[in-house]
Amino acid sequence: MRLTIRLLRETDGRWIGDVPELPGVTVYGATAEEATIKVKALALRVIAEEIEHGEMRPDADTLQFSTAA
């Protein structure tokens, strides 16, 4: 499973990180690094919930994050 991390800087300086492949996985961070760490952690929690509830995607045996340019 390949997940894309999108980062956007708000006008107030905060960073928004999201993973478009996982609806609802959106976080704020004070820095781009903090937003990246937080969005990865949230994505992993969402995937863990899917596994626990038998909703695991067939391609979830491997996981790769990439940052959108």
PDB file of N, CA and C in Angstrom:
ATOM      1  N   MET A   1       0.854  -1.163   0.000  1.00  0.00           N
ATOM      2  CA  MET A   1       0.000   0.000   0.000  1.00  0.00           C
ATOM      3  C   MET A   1       0.904   1.232   0.000  1.00  0.00           C
ATOM      4  N   ARG A   2       0.651   2.113  -0.934  1.00  0.00           N
ATOM      5  CA  ARG A   2       1.429   3.341  -1.016  1.00  0.00           C
ATOM      6  C   ARG A   2       0.560   4.508  -0.572  1.00  0.00           C
ATOM      7  N   LEU A   3       1.026   5.247   0.400  1.00  0.00           N
ATOM      8  CA  LEU A   3       0.296   6.389   0.937  1.00  0.00           C
ATOM      9  C   LEU A   3       1.067   7.668   0.647  1.00  0.00           C
ATOM     10  N   THR A   4       0.350   8.688   0.239  1.00  0.00           N
ATOM     11  CA  THR A   4       0.958   9.970  -0.086  1.00  0.00           C
ATOM     12  C   THR A   4       0.711  10.952   1.048  1.00  0.00           C
ATOM     13  N   ILE A   5       1.752  11.611   1.477  1.00  0.00           N
ATOM     14  CA  ILE A   5       1.624  12.656   2.490  1.00  0.00           C
ATOM     15  C   ILE A   5       1.662  14.004   1.779  1.00  0.00           C
ATOM     16  N   ARG A   6       0.592  14.774   1.966  1.00  0.00           N
ATOM     17  CA  ARG A   6       0.559  16.129   1.408  1.00  0.00           C
ATOM     18  C   ARG A   6       0.746  17.117   2.552  1.00  0.00           C
ATOM     19  N   LEU A   7       1.603  18.088   2.341  1.00  0.00           N
ATOM     20  CA  LEU A   7       1.856  19.122   3.337  1.00  0.00           C
ATOM     21  C   LEU A   7       1.524  20.484   2.754  1.00  0.00           C
ATOM     22  N   LEU A   8       0.890  21.310   3.569  1.00  0.00           N
ATOM     23  CA  LEU A   8       0.508  22.652   3.146  1.00  0.00           C
ATOM     24  C   LEU A   8       0.721  23.585   4.325  1.00  0.00           C
ATOM     25  N   ARG A   9       1.325  24.727   4.050  1.00  0.00           N
ATOM     26  CA  ARG A   9       1.547  25.694   5.122  1.00  0.00           C
ATOM     27  C   ARG A   9       0.415  26.717   5.147  1.00  0.00           C
ATOM     28  N   GLU A  10      -0.177  26.878   6.303  1.00  0.00           N
ATOM     29  CA  GLU A  10      -1.252  27.846   6.503  1.00  0.00           C
ATOM     30  C   GLU A  10      -0.659  29.257   6.594  1.00  0.00           C
ATOM     31  N   THR A  11      -1.491  30.261   6.431  1.00  0.00           N
ATOM     32  CA  THR A  11      -1.021  31.643   6.511  1.00  0.00           C
ATOM     33  C   THR A  11      -0.523  32.007   7.908  1.00  0.00           C
ATOM     34  N   ASP A  12      -1.007  31.300   8.924  1.00  0.00           N
ATOM     35  CA  ASP A  12      -0.556  31.563  10.296  1.00  0.00           C
ATOM     36  C   ASP A  12       0.724  30.806  10.649  1.00  0.00           C
ATOM     37  N   GLY A  13       1.293  30.061   9.681  1.00  0.00           N
ATOM     38  CA  GLY A  13       2.560  29.366   9.905  1.00  0.00           C
ATOM     39  C   GLY A  13       2.427  27.898  10.251  1.00  0.00           C
ATOM     40  N   ARG A  14       1.233  27.457  10.658  1.00  0.00           N
ATOM     41  CA  ARG A  14       1.046  26.037  10.961  1.00  0.00           C
ATOM     42  C   ARG A  14       1.099  25.214   9.678  1.00  0.00           C
ATOM     43  N   TRP A  15       1.398  23.947   9.833  1.00  0.00           N
ATOM     44  CA  TRP A  15       1.434  23.020   8.717  1.00  0.00           C
ATOM     45  C   TRP A  15       0.272  22.048   8.826  1.00  0.00           C
ATOM     46  N   ILE A  16      -0.365  21.760   7.693  1.00  0.00           N
ATOM     47  CA  ILE A  16      -1.404  20.742   7.612  1.00  0.00           C
ATOM     48  C   ILE A  16      -0.798  19.563   6.867  1.00  0.00           C
ATOM     49  N   GLY A  17      -0.986  18.384   7.420  1.00  0.00           N
ATOM     50  CA  GLY A  17      -0.566  17.162   6.747  1.00  0.00           C
ATOM     51  C   GLY A  17      -1.774  16.263   6.557  1.00  0.00           C
ATOM     52  N   ASP A  18      -1.891  15.673   5.371  1.00  0.00           N
ATOM     53  CA  ASP A  18      -2.982  14.733   5.164  1.00  0.00           C
ATOM     54  C   ASP A  18      -2.537  13.601   4.254  1.00  0.00           C
ATOM     55  N   VAL A  19      -3.319  12.521   4.290  1.00  0.00           N
ATOM     56  CA  VAL A  19      -3.086  11.347   3.440  1.00  0.00           C
ATOM     57  C   VAL A  19      -4.361  11.152   2.630  1.00  0.00           C
ATOM     58  N   PRO A  20      -4.352  11.550   1.343  1.00  0.00           N
ATOM     59  CA  PRO A  20      -5.578  11.487   0.547  1.00  0.00           C
ATOM     60  C   PRO A  20      -6.176  10.090   0.410  1.00  0.00           C
ATOM     61  N   GLU A  21      -5.355   9.057   0.502  1.00  0.00           N
ATOM     62  CA  GLU A  21      -5.857   7.688   0.364  1.00  0.00           C
ATOM     63  C   GLU A  21      -6.646   7.221   1.583  1.00  0.00           C
ATOM     64  N   LEU A  22      -6.535   7.952   2.687  1.00  0.00           N
ATOM     65  CA  LEU A  22      -7.248   7.596   3.924  1.00  0.00           C
ATOM     66  C   LEU A  22      -8.088   8.794   4.363  1.00  0.00           C
ATOM     67  N   PRO A  23      -9.352   8.834   3.984  1.00  0.00           N
ATOM     68  CA  PRO A  23     -10.211   9.966   4.345  1.00  0.00           C
ATOM     69  C   PRO A  23     -10.196  10.230   5.850  1.00  0.00           C
ATOM     70  N   GLY A  24     -10.101  11.490   6.190  1.00  0.00           N
ATOM     71  CA  GLY A  24     -10.108  11.882   7.595  1.00  0.00           C
ATOM     72  C   GLY A  24      -8.747  11.926   8.247  1.00  0.00           C
ATOM     73  N   VAL A  25      -7.710  11.469   7.557  1.00  0.00           N
ATOM     74  CA  VAL A  25      -6.361  11.496   8.126  1.00  0.00           C
ATOM     75  C   VAL A  25      -5.741  12.850   7.793  1.00  0.00           C
ATOM     76  N   THR A  26      -5.983  13.804   8.683  1.00  0.00           N
ATOM     77  CA  THR A  26      -5.509  15.175   8.540  1.00  0.00           C
ATOM     78  C   THR A  26      -5.063  15.665   9.909  1.00  0.00           C
ATOM     79  N   VAL A  27      -3.901  16.310   9.958  1.00  0.00           N
ATOM     80  CA  VAL A  27      -3.350  16.788  11.224  1.00  0.00           C
ATOM     81  C   VAL A  27      -2.748  18.176  11.041  1.00  0.00           C
ATOM     82  N   TYR A  28      -2.516  18.841  12.156  1.00  0.00           N
ATOM     83  CA  TYR A  28      -1.779  20.100  12.184  1.00  0.00           C
ATOM     84  C   TYR A  28      -0.467  19.888  12.911  1.00  0.00           C
ATOM     85  N   GLY A  29       0.566  20.642  12.512  1.00  0.00           N
ATOM     86  CA  GLY A  29       1.832  20.625  13.218  1.00  0.00           C
ATOM     87  C   GLY A  29       2.472  22.001  13.168  1.00  0.00           C
ATOM     88  N   ALA A  30       3.322  22.292  14.133  1.00  0.00           N
ATOM     89  CA  ALA A  30       4.013  23.579  14.170  1.00  0.00           C
ATOM     90  C   ALA A  30       5.066  23.666  13.073  1.00  0.00           C
ATOM     91  N   THR A  31       5.597  22.514  12.668  1.00  0.00           N
ATOM     92  CA  THR A  31       6.596  22.448  11.601  1.00  0.00           C
ATOM     93  C   THR A  31       6.178  21.372  10.607  1.00  0.00           C
ATOM     94  N   ALA A  32       6.809  21.381   9.441  1.00  0.00           N
ATOM     95  CA  ALA A  32       6.521  20.347   8.446  1.00  0.00           C
ATOM     96  C   ALA A  32       6.899  18.976   9.000  1.00  0.00           C
ATOM     97  N   GLU A  33       7.998  18.901   9.735  1.00  0.00           N
ATOM     98  CA  GLU A  33       8.437  17.628  10.321  1.00  0.00           C
ATOM     99  C   GLU A  33       7.421  17.109  11.331  1.00  0.00           C
ATOM    100  N   GLU A  34       6.922  17.987  12.186  1.00  0.00           N
ATOM    101  CA  GLU A  34       5.926  17.577  13.183  1.00  0.00           C
ATOM    102  C   GLU A  34       4.643  17.093  12.503  1.00  0.00           C
ATOM    103  N   ALA A  35       4.196  17.815  11.473  1.00  0.00           N
ATOM    104  CA  ALA A  35       2.991  17.401  10.751  1.00  0.00           C
ATOM    105  C   ALA A  35       3.202  16.050  10.078  1.00  0.00           C
ATOM    106  N   THR A  36       4.388  15.817   9.532  1.00  0.00           N
ATOM    107  CA  THR A  36       4.701  14.537   8.886  1.00  0.00           C
ATOM    108  C   THR A  36       4.662  13.394   9.885  1.00  0.00           C
ATOM    109  N   ILE A  37       5.274  13.592  11.038  1.00  0.00           N
ATOM    110  CA  ILE A  37       5.282  12.552  12.080  1.00  0.00           C
ATOM    111  C   ILE A  37       3.857  12.256  12.549  1.00  0.00           C
ATOM    112  N   LYS A  38       3.090  13.309  12.798  1.00  0.00           N
ATOM    113  CA  LYS A  38       1.720  13.128  13.283  1.00  0.00           C
ATOM    114  C   LYS A  38       0.831  12.439  12.255  1.00  0.00           C
ATOM    115  N   VAL A  39       0.972  12.800  10.976  1.00  0.00           N
ATOM    116  CA  VAL A  39       0.104  12.213   9.961  1.00  0.00           C
ATOM    117  C   VAL A  39       0.471  10.746   9.727  1.00  0.00           C
ATOM    118  N   LYS A  40       1.747  10.397   9.823  1.00  0.00           N
ATOM    119  CA  LYS A  40       2.142   8.987   9.711  1.00  0.00           C
ATOM    120  C   LYS A  40       1.549   8.184  10.867  1.00  0.00           C
ATOM    121  N   ALA A  41       1.645   8.720  12.071  1.00  0.00           N
ATOM    122  CA  ALA A  41       1.123   8.015  13.246  1.00  0.00           C
ATOM    123  C   ALA A  41      -0.388   7.810  13.132  1.00  0.00           C
ATOM    124  N   LEU A  42      -1.119   8.844  12.696  1.00  0.00           N
ATOM    125  CA  LEU A  42      -2.561   8.715  12.556  1.00  0.00           C
ATOM    126  C   LEU A  42      -2.916   7.714  11.460  1.00  0.00           C
ATOM    127  N   ALA A  43      -2.199   7.753  10.349  1.00  0.00           N
ATOM    128  CA  ALA A  43      -2.455   6.795   9.265  1.00  0.00           C
ATOM    129  C   ALA A  43      -2.251   5.365   9.754  1.00  0.00           C
ATOM    130  N   LEU A  44      -1.217   5.129  10.530  1.00  0.00           N
ATOM    131  CA  LEU A  44      -0.964   3.780  11.055  1.00  0.00           C
ATOM    132  C   LEU A  44      -2.067   3.345  12.012  1.00  0.00           C
ATOM    133  N   ARG A  45      -2.585   4.275  12.812  1.00  0.00           N
ATOM    134  CA  ARG A  45      -3.695   3.930  13.713  1.00  0.00           C
ATOM    135  C   ARG A  45      -4.946   3.564  12.920  1.00  0.00           C
ATOM    136  N   VAL A  46      -5.222   4.305  11.861  1.00  0.00           N
ATOM    137  CA  VAL A  46      -6.397   4.012  11.029  1.00  0.00           C
ATOM    138  C   VAL A  46      -6.244   2.641  10.373  1.00  0.00           C
ATOM    139  N   ILE A  47      -5.058   2.351   9.858  1.00  0.00           N
ATOM    140  CA  ILE A  47      -4.811   1.049   9.229  1.00  0.00           C
ATOM    141  C   ILE A  47      -4.936  -0.066  10.262  1.00  0.00           C
ATOM    142  N   ALA A  48      -4.418   0.157  11.462  1.00  0.00           N
ATOM    143  CA  ALA A  48      -4.532  -0.853  12.522  1.00  0.00           C
ATOM    144  C   ALA A  48      -5.998  -1.139  12.850  1.00  0.00           C
ATOM    145  N   GLU A  49      -6.827  -0.107  12.897  1.00  0.00           N
ATOM    146  CA  GLU A  49      -8.267  -0.292  13.139  1.00  0.00           C
ATOM    147  C   GLU A  49      -8.898  -1.124  12.028  1.00  0.00           C
ATOM    148  N   GLU A  50      -8.516  -0.837  10.783  1.00  0.00           N
ATOM    149  CA  GLU A  50      -9.051  -1.607   9.659  1.00  0.00           C
ATOM    150  C   GLU A  50      -8.662  -3.080   9.768  1.00  0.00           C
ATOM    151  N   ILE A  51      -7.428  -3.339  10.151  1.00  0.00           N
ATOM    152  CA  ILE A  51      -6.966  -4.724  10.320  1.00  0.00           C
ATOM    153  C   ILE A  51      -7.760  -5.397  11.435  1.00  0.00           C
ATOM    154  N   GLU A  52      -7.898  -4.693  12.556  1.00  0.00           N
ATOM    155  CA  GLU A  52      -8.611  -5.243  13.711  1.00  0.00           C
ATOM    156  C   GLU A  52     -10.060  -5.586  13.395  1.00  0.00           C
ATOM    157  N   HIS A  53     -10.677  -4.803  12.533  1.00  0.00           N
ATOM    158  CA  HIS A  53     -12.093  -5.001  12.207  1.00  0.00           C
ATOM    159  C   HIS A  53     -12.299  -5.806  10.927  1.00  0.00           C
ATOM    160  N   GLY A  54     -11.238  -6.450  10.460  1.00  0.00           N
ATOM    161  CA  GLY A  54     -11.348  -7.290   9.272  1.00  0.00           C
ATOM    162  C   GLY A  54     -11.547  -6.526   7.977  1.00  0.00           C
ATOM    163  N   GLU A  55     -11.155  -5.270   7.971  1.00  0.00           N
ATOM    164  CA  GLU A  55     -11.320  -4.433   6.785  1.00  0.00           C
ATOM    165  C   GLU A  55      -9.982  -4.172   6.091  1.00  0.00           C
ATOM    166  N   MET A  56      -8.995  -5.002   6.391  1.00  0.00           N
ATOM    167  CA  MET A  56      -7.663  -4.769   5.838  1.00  0.00           C
ATOM    168  C   MET A  56      -7.685  -4.850   4.316  1.00  0.00           C
ATOM    169  N   ARG A  57      -7.027  -3.924   3.692  1.00  0.00           N
ATOM    170  CA  ARG A  57      -6.937  -3.912   2.238  1.00  0.00           C
ATOM    171  C   ARG A  57      -5.949  -4.987   1.793  1.00  0.00           C
ATOM    172  N   PRO A  58      -6.198  -5.619   0.659  1.00  0.00           N
ATOM    173  CA  PRO A  58      -5.316  -6.697   0.206  1.00  0.00           C
ATOM    174  C   PRO A  58      -3.867  -6.258   0.010  1.00  0.00           C
ATOM    175  N   ASP A  59      -3.649  -4.994  -0.316  1.00  0.00           N
ATOM    176  CA  ASP A  59      -2.286  -4.519  -0.554  1.00  0.00           C
ATOM    177  C   ASP A  59      -1.639  -3.922   0.697  1.00  0.00           C
ATOM    178  N   ALA A  60      -2.201  -4.168   1.862  1.00  0.00           N
ATOM    179  CA  ALA A  60      -1.694  -3.573   3.101  1.00  0.00           C
ATOM    180  C   ALA A  60      -0.565  -4.375   3.738  1.00  0.00           C
ATOM    181  N   ASP A  61      -0.106  -5.443   3.088  1.00  0.00           N
ATOM    182  CA  ASP A  61       0.992  -6.219   3.651  1.00  0.00           C
ATOM    183  C   ASP A  61       2.299  -5.440   3.647  1.00  0.00           C
ATOM    184  N   THR A  62       2.433  -4.513   2.732  1.00  0.00           N
ATOM    185  CA  THR A  62       3.583  -3.610   2.715  1.00  0.00           C
ATOM    186  C   THR A  62       3.036  -2.189   2.736  1.00  0.00           C
ATOM    187  N   LEU A  63       3.795  -1.311   3.318  1.00  0.00           N
ATOM    188  CA  LEU A  63       3.347   0.077   3.463  1.00  0.00           C
ATOM    189  C   LEU A  63       4.492   0.989   3.118  1.00  0.00           C
ATOM    190  N   GLN A  64       4.203   1.983   2.285  1.00  0.00           N
ATOM    191  CA  GLN A  64       5.217   2.941   1.889  1.00  0.00           C
ATOM    192  C   GLN A  64       4.613   4.334   1.917  1.00  0.00           C
ATOM    193  N   PHE A  65       5.302   5.262   2.576  1.00  0.00           N
ATOM    194  CA  PHE A  65       4.887   6.654   2.590  1.00  0.00           C
ATOM    195  C   PHE A  65       5.739   7.414   1.590  1.00  0.00           C
ATOM    196  N   SER A  66       5.134   8.337   0.867  1.00  0.00           N
ATOM    197  CA  SER A  66       5.891   9.254   0.028  1.00  0.00           C
ATOM    198  C   SER A  66       5.301  10.633   0.202  1.00  0.00           C
ATOM    199  N   THR A  67       6.138  11.634   0.100  1.00  0.00           N
ATOM    200  CA  THR A  67       5.683  13.014   0.262  1.00  0.00           C
ATOM    201  C   THR A  67       5.422  13.603  -1.108  1.00  0.00           C
ATOM    202  N   ALA A  68       4.245  14.193  -1.258  1.00  0.00           N
ATOM    203  CA  ALA A  68       3.880  14.834  -2.530  1.00  0.00           C
ATOM    204  C   ALA A  68       4.779  16.037  -2.755  1.00  0.00           C
ATOM    205  N   ALA A  69       5.208  16.204  -3.965  1.00  0.00           N
ATOM    206  CA  ALA A  69       6.071  17.343  -4.293  1.00  0.00           C
ATOM    207  C   ALA A  69       5.259  18.536  -4.708  1.00  0.00           C
TER     208      ALA A  69
END
